[in-house]
C-alpha atoms as a PDB file:
ATOM      1  CA  MET A   1     -19.669  66.904   3.848  1.00  0.00           C
ATOM      2  CA  ILE A   2     -22.287  64.252   3.075  1.00  0.00           C
ATOM      3  CA  LYS A   3     -25.810  65.637   3.575  1.00  0.00           C
ATOM      4  CA  ALA A   4     -27.975  63.030   1.874  1.00  0.00           C
ATOM      5  CA  VAL A   5     -27.896  59.313   1.129  1.00  0.00           C
ATOM      6  CA  PHE A   6     -30.036  57.582  -1.513  1.00  0.00           C
ATOM      7  CA  PHE A   7     -30.295  53.807  -1.396  1.00  0.00           C
ATOM      8  CA  ASP A   8     -30.957  51.520  -4.320  1.00  0.00           C
ATOM      9  CA  TRP A   9     -33.920  49.346  -3.422  1.00  0.00           C
ATOM     10  CA  VAL A  10     -32.862  46.291  -5.404  1.00  0.00           C
ATOM     11  CA  VAL A  11     -30.208  44.123  -3.707  1.00  0.00           C
ATOM     12  CA  THR A  12     -29.054  47.019  -1.457  1.00  0.00           C
ATOM     13  CA  LEU A  13     -32.028  47.306   0.894  1.00  0.00           C
ATOM     14  CA  ALA A  14     -34.105  44.323  -0.156  1.00  0.00           C
ATOM     15  CA  HIS A  15     -33.913  41.076  -2.074  1.00  0.00           C
ATOM     16  CA  PRO A  16     -36.614  39.090  -3.873  1.00  0.00           C
ATOM     17  CA  GLU A  17     -37.967  35.930  -2.350  1.00  0.00           C
ATOM     18  CA  PRO A  18     -37.192  33.459  -3.807  1.00  0.00           C
ATOM     19  CA  ASP A  19     -33.767  34.711  -4.914  1.00  0.00           C
ATOM     20  CA  SER A  20     -33.139  35.822  -8.496  1.00  0.00           C
ATOM     21  CA  HIS A  21     -31.216  32.730  -9.561  1.00  0.00           C
ATOM     22  CA  GLU A  22     -34.021  30.471  -8.308  1.00  0.00           C
ATOM     23  CA  ILE A  23     -36.598  32.476 -10.301  1.00  0.00           C
ATOM     24  CA  VAL A  24     -34.496  32.313 -13.480  1.00  0.00           C
ATOM     25  CA  HIS A  25     -33.926  28.602 -12.941  1.00  0.00           C
ATOM     26  CA  GLN A  26     -37.677  27.935 -12.632  1.00  0.00           C
ATOM     27  CA  VAL A  27     -38.548  30.000 -15.732  1.00  0.00           C
ATOM     28  CA  ALA A  28     -35.895  28.191 -17.761  1.00  0.00           C
ATOM     29  CA  LYS A  29     -37.114  24.832 -16.457  1.00  0.00           C
ATOM     30  CA  GLY A  30     -40.612  25.737 -17.626  1.00  0.00           C
ATOM     31  CA  LEU A  31     -39.185  25.964 -21.138  1.00  0.00           C
ATOM     32  CA  GLY A  32     -37.406  22.641 -20.794  1.00  0.00           C
ATOM     33  CA  ILE A  33     -33.993  24.221 -20.212  1.00  0.00           C
ATOM     34  CA  GLU A  34     -31.685  23.168 -17.378  1.00  0.00           C
ATOM     35  CA  LEU A  35     -29.316  25.865 -16.076  1.00  0.00           C
ATOM     36  CA  PRO A  36     -26.736  24.699 -13.499  1.00  0.00           C
ATOM     37  CA  PRO A  37     -27.268  26.784 -10.295  1.00  0.00           C
ATOM     38  CA  GLN A  38     -23.600  27.579  -9.567  1.00  0.00           C
ATOM     39  CA  GLY A  39     -22.876  28.865 -13.053  1.00  0.00           C
ATOM     40  CA  LEU A  40     -26.199  30.717 -13.068  1.00  0.00           C
ATOM     41  CA  ILE A  41     -25.432  32.570  -9.841  1.00  0.00           C
ATOM     42  CA  LYS A  42     -22.061  33.690 -11.180  1.00  0.00           C
ATOM     43  CA  GLY A  43     -23.524  34.626 -14.582  1.00  0.00           C
ATOM     44  CA  LEU A  44     -26.260  36.758 -13.036  1.00  0.00           C
ATOM     45  CA  HIS A  45     -23.698  38.572 -10.910  1.00  0.00           C
ATOM     46  CA  VAL A  46     -21.480  39.330 -13.911  1.00  0.00           C
ATOM     47  CA  ALA A  47     -24.411  40.444 -16.086  1.00  0.00           C
ATOM     48  CA  GLU A  48     -25.853  42.719 -13.393  1.00  0.00           C
ATOM     49  CA  ASN A  49     -22.488  44.462 -13.073  1.00  0.00           C
ATOM     50  CA  GLN A  50     -21.817  44.787 -16.795  1.00  0.00           C
ATOM     51  CA  MET A  51     -25.282  45.423 -18.235  1.00  0.00           C
ATOM     52  CA  PRO A  52     -27.919  46.195 -15.565  1.00  0.00           C
ATOM     53  CA  TRP A  53     -30.065  47.960 -18.198  1.00  0.00           C
ATOM     54  CA  GLY A  54     -30.430  44.649 -20.050  1.00  0.00           C
ATOM     55  CA  ALA A  55     -31.914  42.733 -17.112  1.00  0.00           C
ATOM     56  CA  PRO A  56     -35.330  41.130 -17.840  1.00  0.00           C
ATOM     57  CA  PRO A  57     -37.252  43.314 -15.319  1.00  0.00           C
ATOM     58  CA  MET A  58     -36.365  46.306 -17.535  1.00  0.00           C
ATOM     59  CA  TRP A  59     -38.158  44.710 -20.496  1.00  0.00           C
ATOM     60  CA  ARG A  60     -40.999  46.600 -22.148  1.00  0.00           C
ATOM     61  CA  GLU A  61     -42.548  45.823 -25.513  1.00  0.00           C
ATOM     62  CA  GLY A  62     -40.993  48.001 -28.180  1.00  0.00           C
ATOM     63  CA  LYS A  63     -37.646  48.427 -26.420  1.00  0.00           C
ATOM     64  CA  ASP A  64     -34.393  47.613 -28.181  1.00  0.00           C
ATOM     65  CA  GLU A  65     -33.913  43.852 -27.926  1.00  0.00           C
ATOM     66  CA  GLU A  66     -30.136  43.872 -28.309  1.00  0.00           C
ATOM     67  CA  ALA A  67     -29.428  44.916 -24.709  1.00  0.00           C
ATOM     68  CA  PHE A  68     -31.459  41.979 -23.382  1.00  0.00           C
ATOM     69  CA  ILE A  69     -29.831  39.544 -25.818  1.00  0.00           C
ATOM     70  CA  ARG A  70     -26.403  40.734 -24.705  1.00  0.00           C
ATOM     71  CA  TRP A  71     -27.423  40.341 -21.027  1.00  0.00           C
ATOM     72  CA  TRP A  72     -28.348  36.700 -21.651  1.00  0.00           C
ATOM     73  CA  GLU A  73     -25.144  36.052 -23.591  1.00  0.00           C
ATOM     74  CA  ILE A  74     -23.145  37.192 -20.555  1.00  0.00           C
ATOM     75  CA  VAL A  75     -25.163  34.970 -18.219  1.00  0.00           C
ATOM     76  CA  LEU A  76     -25.054  31.915 -20.475  1.00  0.00           C
ATOM     77  CA  ALA A  77     -21.311  32.262 -21.079  1.00  0.00           C
ATOM     78  CA  GLU A  78     -20.777  31.525 -17.383  1.00  0.00           C
ATOM     79  CA  VAL A  79     -23.402  28.763 -17.389  1.00  0.00           C
ATOM     80  CA  GLY A  80     -21.939  27.039 -20.455  1.00  0.00           C
ATOM     81  CA  VAL A  81     -25.262  26.841 -22.317  1.00  0.00           C
ATOM     82  CA  LYS A  82     -26.207  28.245 -25.706  1.00  0.00           C
ATOM     83  CA  LEU A  83     -29.766  29.344 -26.510  1.00  0.00           C
ATOM     84  CA  SER A  84     -31.389  30.791 -29.612  1.00  0.00           C
ATOM     85  CA  ARG A  85     -32.351  34.436 -29.817  1.00  0.00           C
ATOM     86  CA  GLU A  86     -36.055  33.536 -29.742  1.00  0.00           C
ATOM     87  CA  VAL A  87     -35.674  31.526 -26.524  1.00  0.00           C
ATOM     88  CA  MET A  88     -33.705  34.310 -24.834  1.00  0.00           C
ATOM     89  CA  LEU A  89     -36.427  36.838 -25.683  1.00  0.00           C
ATOM     90  CA  GLU A  90     -39.165  34.493 -24.473  1.00  0.00           C
ATOM     91  CA  MET A  91     -37.361  34.029 -21.161  1.00  0.00           C
ATOM     92  CA  THR A  92     -36.994  37.807 -20.913  1.00  0.00           C
ATOM     93  CA  ARG A  93     -40.738  38.320 -21.394  1.00  0.00           C
ATOM     94  CA  ARG A  94     -41.632  35.687 -18.818  1.00  0.00           C
ATOM     95  CA  LEU A  95     -39.177  37.016 -16.243  1.00  0.00           C
ATOM     96  CA  SER A  96     -40.426  40.582 -16.731  1.00  0.00           C
ATOM     97  CA  GLN A  97     -43.932  39.387 -15.852  1.00  0.00           C
ATOM     98  CA  VAL A  98     -42.679  37.528 -12.782  1.00  0.00           C
ATOM     99  CA  ALA A  99     -40.677  40.576 -11.631  1.00  0.00           C
ATOM    100  CA  ARG A 100     -43.818  42.704 -11.396  1.00  0.00           C
ATOM    101  CA  ASN A 101     -45.297  40.437  -8.744  1.00  0.00           C
ATOM    102  CA  LEU A 102     -42.218  39.620  -6.704  1.00  0.00           C
ATOM    103  CA  THR A 103     -42.213  39.531  -2.926  1.00  0.00           C
ATOM    104  CA  TRP A 104     -39.372  41.617  -1.506  1.00  0.00           C
ATOM    105  CA  VAL A 105     -37.758  41.136   1.889  1.00  0.00           C
ATOM    106  CA  LEU A 106     -35.568  43.667   3.706  1.00  0.00           C
ATOM    107  CA  TYR A 107     -32.047  42.611   4.590  1.00  0.00           C
ATOM    108  CA  ASP A 108     -31.511  42.205   8.331  1.00  0.00           C
ATOM    109  CA  ASP A 109     -29.220  45.246   8.565  1.00  0.00           C
ATOM    110  CA  ALA A 110     -31.337  47.567   6.360  1.00  0.00           C
ATOM    111  CA  LEU A 111     -33.565  49.106   9.036  1.00  0.00           C
ATOM    112  CA  PRO A 112     -30.836  49.508  11.694  1.00  0.00           C
ATOM    113  CA  THR A 113     -28.624  51.234   9.121  1.00  0.00           C
ATOM    114  CA  ILE A 114     -31.425  53.610   8.080  1.00  0.00           C
ATOM    115  CA  LYS A 115     -32.153  54.480  11.722  1.00  0.00           C
ATOM    116  CA  THR A 116     -28.487  55.170  12.471  1.00  0.00           C
ATOM    117  CA  LEU A 117     -28.062  57.474   9.466  1.00  0.00           C
ATOM    118  CA  LYS A 118     -31.265  59.331  10.326  1.00  0.00           C
ATOM    119  CA  GLN A 119     -29.972  59.955  13.846  1.00  0.00           C
ATOM    120  CA  GLN A 120     -26.923  61.585  12.232  1.00  0.00           C
ATOM    121  CA  GLY A 121     -29.229  64.157  10.619  1.00  0.00           C
ATOM    122  CA  LEU A 122     -28.827  62.918   7.040  1.00  0.00           C
ATOM    123  CA  ILE A 123     -31.492  63.264   4.351  1.00  0.00           C
ATOM    124  CA  LEU A 124     -32.539  59.781   3.229  1.00  0.00           C
ATOM    125  CA  GLY A 125     -34.265  58.482   0.147  1.00  0.00           C
ATOM    126  CA  VAL A 126     -34.810  55.329  -1.898  1.00  0.00           C
ATOM    127  CA  ILE A 127     -34.495  55.026  -5.679  1.00  0.00           C
ATOM    128  CA  SER A 128     -35.555  52.145  -7.867  1.00  0.00           C
ATOM    129  CA  ASN A 129     -36.441  51.367 -11.480  1.00  0.00           C
ATOM    130  CA  LEU A 130     -38.916  48.760 -10.177  1.00  0.00           C
ATOM    131  CA  PRO A 131     -42.131  49.257  -8.197  1.00  0.00           C
ATOM    132  CA  ILE A 132     -41.217  49.149  -4.507  1.00  0.00           C
ATOM    133  CA  ASP A 133     -43.094  46.537  -2.503  1.00  0.00           C
ATOM    134  CA  ARG A 134     -44.799  48.578   0.216  1.00  0.00           C
ATOM    135  CA  SER A 135     -45.276  45.545   2.447  1.00  0.00           C
ATOM    136  CA  ALA A 136     -41.479  45.412   2.729  1.00  0.00           C
ATOM    137  CA  SER A 137     -40.753  49.152   2.714  1.00  0.00           C
ATOM    138  CA  VAL A 138     -43.451  50.296   5.158  1.00  0.00           C
ATOM    139  CA  SER A 139     -41.063  50.016   8.133  1.00  0.00           C
ATOM    140  CA  LEU A 140     -38.622  52.376   6.365  1.00  0.00           C
ATOM    141  CA  GLU A 141     -41.105  55.125   5.496  1.00  0.00           C
ATOM    142  CA  PRO A 142     -40.939  57.050   8.811  1.00  0.00           C
ATOM    143  CA  TYR A 143     -37.209  57.583   8.238  1.00  0.00           C
ATOM    144  CA  LEU A 144     -37.325  58.605   4.565  1.00  0.00           C
ATOM    145  CA  ASP A 145     -37.431  62.203   3.342  1.00  0.00           C
ATOM    146  CA  PHE A 146     -38.214  61.369  -0.264  1.00  0.00           C
ATOM    147  CA  LEU A 147     -41.247  59.234  -1.036  1.00  0.00           C
ATOM    148  CA  SER A 148     -42.928  58.509  -4.326  1.00  0.00           C
ATOM    149  CA  ILE A 149     -45.932  56.826  -5.874  1.00  0.00           C
ATOM    150  CA  SER A 150     -45.369  53.928  -8.260  1.00  0.00           C
ATOM    151  CA  ILE A 151     -47.839  53.824 -11.144  1.00  0.00           C
ATOM    152  CA  CYS A 152     -47.697  50.181 -12.165  1.00  0.00           C
ATOM    153  CA  ARG A 153     -51.401  49.312 -12.538  1.00  0.00           C
ATOM    154  CA  VAL A 154     -54.417  51.120 -13.988  1.00  0.00           C
ATOM    155  CA  LEU A 155     -58.061  50.548 -13.045  1.00  0.00           C
ATOM    156  CA  TYR A 156     -60.515  49.970 -15.898  1.00  0.00           C
ATOM    157  CA  LYS A 157     -64.289  49.605 -15.741  1.00  0.00           C
ATOM    158  CA  LYS A 158     -66.089  47.685 -18.461  1.00  0.00           C
ATOM    159  CA  ARG A 159     -69.748  46.702 -18.287  1.00  0.00           C
ATOM    160  CA  GLY A 160     -69.807  47.338 -14.570  1.00  0.00           C
ATOM    161  CA  ILE A 161     -66.767  45.152 -13.869  1.00  0.00           C
ATOM    162  CA  TYR A 162     -63.546  46.651 -12.458  1.00  0.00           C
ATOM    163  CA  GLU A 163     -60.206  45.278 -13.558  1.00  0.00           C
ATOM    164  CA  PHE A 164     -56.611  46.254 -12.883  1.00  0.00           C
ATOM    165  CA  LYS A 165     -54.365  46.163 -15.932  1.00  0.00           C
ATOM    166  CA  GLU A 166     -50.872  47.127 -16.980  1.00  0.00           C
ATOM    167  CA  PRO A 167     -50.460  50.754 -18.137  1.00  0.00           C
ATOM    168  CA  LYS A 168     -50.751  51.109 -21.912  1.00  0.00           C
ATOM    169  CA  THR A 169     -47.236  52.446 -22.524  1.00  0.00           C
ATOM    170  CA  SER A 170     -43.817  52.354 -20.874  1.00  0.00           C
ATOM    171  CA  HIS A 171     -44.131  56.093 -20.218  1.00  0.00           C
ATOM    172  CA  SER A 172     -47.362  55.503 -18.302  1.00  0.00           C
ATOM    173  CA  ARG A 173     -45.577  53.083 -15.996  1.00  0.00           C
ATOM    174  CA  ARG A 174     -43.619  55.520 -13.869  1.00  0.00           C
ATOM    175  CA  ARG A 175     -42.746  56.867 -10.434  1.00  0.00           C
ATOM    176  CA  VAL A 176     -44.073  60.239  -9.286  1.00  0.00           C
ATOM    177  CA  ALA A 177     -42.459  62.028  -6.352  1.00  0.00           C
ATOM    178  CA  MET A 178     -44.737  63.193  -3.538  1.00  0.00           C
ATOM    179  CA  THR A 179     -44.542  66.446  -1.633  1.00  0.00           C
ATOM    180  CA  PRO A 180     -43.950  66.002   2.116  1.00  0.00           C
ATOM    181  CA  LYS A 181     -47.424  67.460   2.763  1.00  0.00           C
ATOM    182  CA  LEU A 182     -49.035  64.848   0.523  1.00  0.00           C
ATOM    183  CA  ALA A 183     -47.089  62.027   2.172  1.00  0.00           C
ATOM    184  CA  LEU A 184     -48.223  63.191   5.620  1.00  0.00           C
ATOM    185  CA  PHE A 185     -51.823  63.551   4.455  1.00  0.00           C
ATOM    186  CA  LEU A 186     -51.939  60.053   2.953  1.00  0.00           C
ATOM    187  CA  ARG A 187     -50.409  58.540   6.067  1.00  0.00           C
ATOM    188  CA  ALA A 188     -52.959  60.327   8.301  1.00  0.00           C
ATOM    189  CA  TYR A 189     -55.810  59.343   5.979  1.00  0.00           C
ATOM    190  CA  TRP A 190     -54.768  55.684   6.024  1.00  0.00           C
ATOM    191  CA  THR A 191     -54.499  55.740   9.823  1.00  0.00           C
ATOM    192  CA  GLU A 192     -58.011  57.177  10.081  1.00  0.00           C
ATOM    193  CA  ARG A 193     -59.368  54.476   7.763  1.00  0.00           C
ATOM    194  CA  GLU A 194     -57.696  51.799   9.878  1.00  0.00           C
ATOM    195  CA  ARG A 195     -59.415  53.244  12.953  1.00  0.00           C
ATOM    196  CA  LEU A 196     -62.826  53.271  11.266  1.00  0.00           C
ATOM    197  CA  TYR A 197     -62.445  49.722   9.954  1.00  0.00           C
ATOM    198  CA  HIS A 198     -61.327  48.535  13.367  1.00  0.00           C
ATOM    199  CA  GLY A 199     -64.581  49.933  14.789  1.00  0.00           C
ATOM    200  CA  LEU A 200     -66.466  47.838  12.243  1.00  0.00           C
ATOM    201  CA  GLY A 201     -64.572  44.718  13.209  1.00  0.00           C
ATOM    202  CA  LYS A 202     -62.526  44.731  10.008  1.00  0.00           C
ATOM    203  CA  GLN A 203     -58.809  45.044   9.334  1.00  0.00           C
ATOM    204  CA  LEU A 204     -57.106  46.826   6.458  1.00  0.00           C
ATOM    205  CA  SER A 205     -54.281  45.066   4.658  1.00  0.00           C
ATOM    206  CA  LEU A 206     -51.474  46.646   2.642  1.00  0.00           C
ATOM    207  CA  ASP A 207     -53.176  45.379  -0.520  1.00  0.00           C
ATOM    208  CA  ASP A 208     -56.352  47.374   0.129  1.00  0.00           C
ATOM    209  CA  LEU A 209     -57.060  50.497  -1.889  1.00  0.00           C
ATOM    210  CA  VAL A 210     -56.242  53.816  -0.234  1.00  0.00           C
ATOM    211  CA  PHE A 211     -59.329  55.510  -1.706  1.00  0.00           C
ATOM    212  CA  ALA A 212     -62.255  53.122  -1.834  1.00  0.00           C
ATOM    213  CA  SER A 213     -65.977  52.784  -1.229  1.00  0.00           C
ATOM    214  CA  PRO A 214     -67.223  51.892   2.292  1.00  0.00           C
ATOM    215  CA  GLU A 215     -67.183  48.258   1.143  1.00  0.00           C
ATOM    216  CA  GLY A 216     -63.520  48.552   0.156  1.00  0.00           C
ATOM    217  CA  LYS A 217     -64.257  48.428  -3.582  1.00  0.00           C
ATOM    218  CA  PRO A 218     -62.973  50.914  -6.221  1.00  0.00           C
ATOM    219  CA  ILE A 219     -64.849  54.223  -6.320  1.00  0.00           C
ATOM    220  CA  ASP A 220     -67.088  54.458  -9.370  1.00  0.00           C
ATOM    221  CA  PRO A 221     -65.756  57.134 -11.779  1.00  0.00           C
ATOM    222  CA  CYS A 222     -69.245  58.644 -12.085  1.00  0.00           C
ATOM    223  CA  VAL A 223     -69.525  59.003  -8.325  1.00  0.00           C
ATOM    224  CA  LEU A 224     -66.066  60.587  -8.149  1.00  0.00           C
ATOM    225  CA  THR A 225     -66.936  63.057 -10.929  1.00  0.00           C
ATOM    226  CA  HIS A 226     -70.255  63.966  -9.309  1.00  0.00           C
ATOM    227  CA  ASN A 227     -68.722  64.562  -5.875  1.00  0.00           C
ATOM    228  CA  PHE A 228     -65.825  66.545  -7.293  1.00  0.00           C
ATOM    229  CA  THR A 229     -68.211  68.804  -9.225  1.00  0.00           C
ATOM    230  CA  LYS A 230     -70.107  69.563  -6.000  1.00  0.00           C
ATOM    231  CA  VAL A 231     -66.888  70.417  -4.138  1.00  0.00           C
ATOM    232  CA  ALA A 232     -65.654  72.589  -7.034  1.00  0.00           C
ATOM    233  CA  LYS A 233     -68.904  74.580  -7.051  1.00  0.00           C
ATOM    234  CA  GLN A 234     -68.658  75.142  -3.307  1.00  0.00           C
ATOM    235  CA  ALA A 235     -65.196  76.592  -3.944  1.00  0.00           C
ATOM    236  CA  SER A 236     -66.575  78.844  -6.750  1.00  0.00           C
ATOM    237  CA  LEU A 237     -64.742  76.808  -9.381  1.00  0.00           C
ATOM    238  CA  ASN A 238     -67.643  76.168 -11.702  1.00  0.00           C
ATOM    239  CA  GLY A 239     -66.780  74.221 -14.847  1.00  0.00           C
ATOM    240  CA  ILE A 240     -63.598  72.691 -13.413  1.00  0.00           C
ATOM    241  CA  ARG A 241     -63.330  68.966 -14.106  1.00  0.00           C
ATOM    242  CA  PHE A 242     -61.475  66.371 -12.068  1.00  0.00           C
ATOM    243  CA  HIS A 243     -59.053  65.862 -14.978  1.00  0.00           C
ATOM    244  CA  ASP A 244     -58.263  69.595 -14.910  1.00  0.00           C
ATOM    245  CA  LEU A 245     -56.306  69.006 -11.704  1.00  0.00           C
ATOM    246  CA  ARG A 246     -53.680  67.368 -13.888  1.00  0.00           C
ATOM    247  CA  HIS A 247     -53.363  70.544 -15.964  1.00  0.00           C
ATOM    248  CA  THR A 248     -53.284  72.650 -12.801  1.00  0.00           C
ATOM    249  CA  PHE A 249     -50.376  70.583 -11.506  1.00  0.00           C
ATOM    250  CA  ALA A 250     -48.397  71.031 -14.724  1.00  0.00           C
ATOM    251  CA  SER A 251     -49.152  74.752 -14.951  1.00  0.00           C
ATOM    252  CA  LEU A 252     -48.115  75.442 -11.360  1.00  0.00           C
ATOM    253  CA  MET A 253     -44.911  73.463 -11.800  1.00  0.00           C
ATOM    254  CA  LEU A 254     -44.018  75.415 -14.941  1.00  0.00           C
ATOM    255  CA  LEU A 255     -44.778  78.743 -13.300  1.00  0.00           C
ATOM    256  CA  ARG A 256     -42.554  77.803 -10.368  1.00  0.00           C
ATOM    257  CA  GLY A 257     -39.651  77.065 -12.712  1.00  0.00           C
ATOM    258  CA  ALA A 258     -39.676  73.250 -12.759  1.00  0.00           C
ATOM    259  CA  LYS A 259     -37.801  71.632 -15.644  1.00  0.00           C
ATOM    260  CA  PRO A 260     -40.064  70.577 -18.552  1.00  0.00           C
ATOM    261  CA  LYS A 261     -38.492  67.092 -18.591  1.00  0.00           C
ATOM    262  CA  VAL A 262     -39.397  66.559 -14.923  1.00  0.00           C
ATOM    263  CA  ILE A 263     -42.993  67.622 -15.582  1.00  0.00           C
ATOM    264  CA  SER A 264     -43.207  65.469 -18.708  1.00  0.00           C
ATOM    265  CA  GLU A 265     -42.062  62.374 -16.794  1.00  0.00           C
ATOM    266  CA  ALA A 266     -44.511  63.052 -13.945  1.00  0.00           C
ATOM    267  CA  LEU A 267     -47.406  63.350 -16.409  1.00  0.00           C
ATOM    268  CA  GLY A 268     -46.345  60.212 -18.283  1.00  0.00           C
ATOM    269  CA  HIS A 269     -46.055  62.021 -21.624  1.00  0.00           C
ATOM    270  CA  SER A 270     -44.246  60.293 -24.464  1.00  0.00           C
ATOM    271  CA  SER A 271     -41.870  63.222 -24.990  1.00  0.00           C
ATOM    272  CA  VAL A 272     -40.900  66.613 -23.606  1.00  0.00           C
ATOM    273  CA  ALA A 273     -41.873  68.141 -26.961  1.00  0.00           C
ATOM    274  CA  PHE A 274     -45.469  66.984 -26.448  1.00  0.00           C
ATOM    275  CA  THR A 275     -45.551  68.554 -22.981  1.00  0.00           C
ATOM    276  CA  MET A 276     -44.147  71.842 -24.292  1.00  0.00           C
ATOM    277  CA  ASP A 277     -46.760  71.876 -27.057  1.00  0.00           C
ATOM    278  CA  VAL A 278     -49.690  71.234 -24.692  1.00  0.00           C
ATOM    279  CA  TYR A 279     -48.602  73.936 -22.267  1.00  0.00           C
ATOM    280  CA  SER A 280     -47.214  76.402 -24.800  1.00  0.00           C
ATOM    281  CA  HIS A 281     -49.674  79.063 -23.597  1.00  0.00           C
ATOM    282  CA  ILE A 282     -48.092  78.940 -20.148  1.00  0.00           C
ATOM    283  CA  ILE A 283     -44.587  79.157 -21.565  1.00  0.00           C
ATOM    284  CA  GLU A 284     -45.524  82.135 -23.747  1.00  0.00           C
ATOM    285  CA  GLY A 285     -46.789  83.940 -20.669  1.00  0.00           C
ATOM    286  CA  MET A 286     -43.448  83.326 -18.982  1.00  0.00           C
ATOM    287  CA  GLN A 287     -41.432  85.077 -21.714  1.00  0.00           C
ATOM    288  CA  SER A 288     -41.870  88.504 -20.152  1.00  0.00           C
ATOM    289  CA  ASP A 289     -40.552  87.152 -16.850  1.00  0.00           C
ATOM    290  CA  ALA A 290     -37.586  85.618 -18.684  1.00  0.00           C
ATOM    291  CA  MET A 291     -36.832  88.934 -20.377  1.00  0.00           C
ATOM    292  CA  ALA A 292     -36.973  90.667 -17.010  1.00  0.00           C
ATOM    293  CA  LEU A 293     -34.329  88.262 -15.710  1.00  0.00           C
ATOM    294  CA  LEU A 294     -32.192  88.904 -18.794  1.00  0.00           C
ATOM    295  CA  ASP A 295     -32.572  92.641 -18.274  1.00  0.00           C
ATOM    296  CA  GLU A 296     -31.100  92.276 -14.795  1.00  0.00           C
ATOM    297  CA  VAL A 297     -28.016  90.516 -16.191  1.00  0.00           C
ATOM    298  CA  LEU A 298     -27.217  92.754 -19.178  1.00  0.00           C
ATOM    299  CA  PRO A 299     -25.710  96.231 -18.684  1.00  0.00           C
ATOM    300  CA  ALA A 300     -27.712  99.303 -19.592  1.00  0.00           C
ATOM    301  CA  GLY A 301     -27.569 100.514 -23.208  1.00  0.00           C
ATOM    302  CA  VAL A 302     -25.074 103.223 -24.194  1.00  0.00           C
ATOM    303  CA  ASN A 303     -25.407 106.157 -26.569  1.00  0.00           C
ATOM    304  CA  LYS A 304     -23.086 107.131 -29.402  1.00  0.00           C
ATOM    305  CA  ASN A 305     -20.920 109.332 -27.202  1.00  0.00           C
ATOM    306  CA  SER A 306     -20.053 106.472 -24.902  1.00  0.00           C
ATOM    307  CA  VAL A 307     -19.433 103.764 -27.537  1.00  0.00           C
ATOM    308  CA  ALA A 308     -15.691 104.369 -27.433  1.00  0.00           C
ATOM    309  CA  LYS A 309     -15.686 103.664 -23.714  1.00  0.00           C
ATOM    310  CA  MET A 310     -16.962 100.144 -24.388  1.00  0.00           C
ATOM    311  CA  SER A 311     -14.236  99.110 -26.823  1.00  0.00           C
ATOM    312  CA  PRO A 312     -11.731 100.645 -29.249  1.00  0.00           C
ATOM    313  CA  ILE A 313     -13.087  98.308 -31.924  1.00  0.00           C
ATOM    314  CA  LEU A 314     -16.601  99.641 -31.451  1.00  0.00           C
ATOM    315  CA  GLU A 315     -15.233 103.166 -31.745  1.00  0.00           C
ATOM    316  CA  ASN A 316     -13.862 102.376 -35.222  1.00  0.00           C
ATOM    317  CA  LEU A 317     -17.100 100.698 -36.278  1.00  0.00           C
ATOM    318  CA  ALA A 318     -19.365 103.456 -34.993  1.00  0.00           C
ATOM    319  CA  PRO A 319     -20.674 105.794 -37.747  1.00  0.00           C
ATOM    320  CA  LYS A 320     -19.334 109.337 -37.714  1.00  0.00           C
ATOM    321  CA  GLN A 321     -21.627 112.228 -36.921  1.00  0.00           C
ATOM    322  CA  GLY A 322     -23.521 113.286 -40.032  1.00  0.00           C
ATOM    323  CA  ASN A 323     -22.409 110.264 -42.042  1.00  0.00           C
ATOM    324  CA  LEU A 324     -25.242 107.844 -41.276  1.00  0.00           C
ATOM    325  CA  ALA A 325     -26.199 107.613 -44.946  1.00  0.00           C
ATOM    326  CA  SER A 326     -22.894 105.920 -45.755  1.00  0.00           C
ATOM    327  CA  SER A 327     -23.401 103.214 -43.155  1.00  0.00           C
ATOM    328  CA  PRO A 328     -23.648  99.706 -44.732  1.00  0.00           C
ATOM    329  CA  CYS A 329     -26.755  99.016 -42.654  1.00  0.00           C
ATOM    330  CA  SER A 330     -28.608 102.199 -43.556  1.00  0.00           C
ATOM    331  CA  SER A 331     -31.435 102.164 -46.071  1.00  0.00           C
ATOM    332  CA  GLY A 332     -31.234 104.075 -49.283  1.00  0.00           C
ATOM    333  CA  GLY A 333     -34.618 105.748 -48.799  1.00  0.00           C
END
């Protein structure tokens, strides 16, 4: 029996606007390359089926270039055009930048299908290796059981000026699942902000920050730290920093039995080994619990008089009474 359905965001629920072949055509044209539309459409279809991991939106600096080169070779074979390796990589870089700012539009049958499946009592979720455009997905959110936060931009402050930039590493650019409680809280918080702004004669857009100053600007890190310290003291948590919440999250997840790889990906660590090293003190404290579980599985120990009941082989290997000194494992002293 089917209990849950997970939809792929790209091409299944939504499509970019303009379409992919038009975007590729424009990028190529910017480099002085003409790609016939009909052959391009077919080539993109073939490449997406054969090597989806080599598509330009998957590009990150430092990744293996061969997959992307192979993706272009498949596309260009249908187009009937040959390009140098350098040109293919340059087109990949440009398309990866364009992909991060695409406008996505839901297919006409996406929302009706989601509603129908939800009425059947199914668990619904959306998966994607690209940041999901909330302006397109907002109508789906009430029907989804699994929501997540896409970390695709980071806020920096330099000399009093705020600027959004790309995360430093590919591991930093990630998706973090939300608990249902958090999703409900954020939705209620956003609704309350909309009500307050409406009273001021203003209107929130989907591009506005969720947590912002009264003027809608980013909250100053110093202000956030100061306010958090006050709240922590009121809760008798003196000395707890805002960044410590990150460690609390990881520690609680480990103690509740979450897989280290899942925690490592949520934290944006470069490897599971790094996560295990940072939180080794938590893991060491869990060894006694692990041994308790093992103790429940293994049978109780047996004495020398019951060895024969375990196995005839053990009976032959067991030392005879009064002959322990001749045992190969006994010490001479």
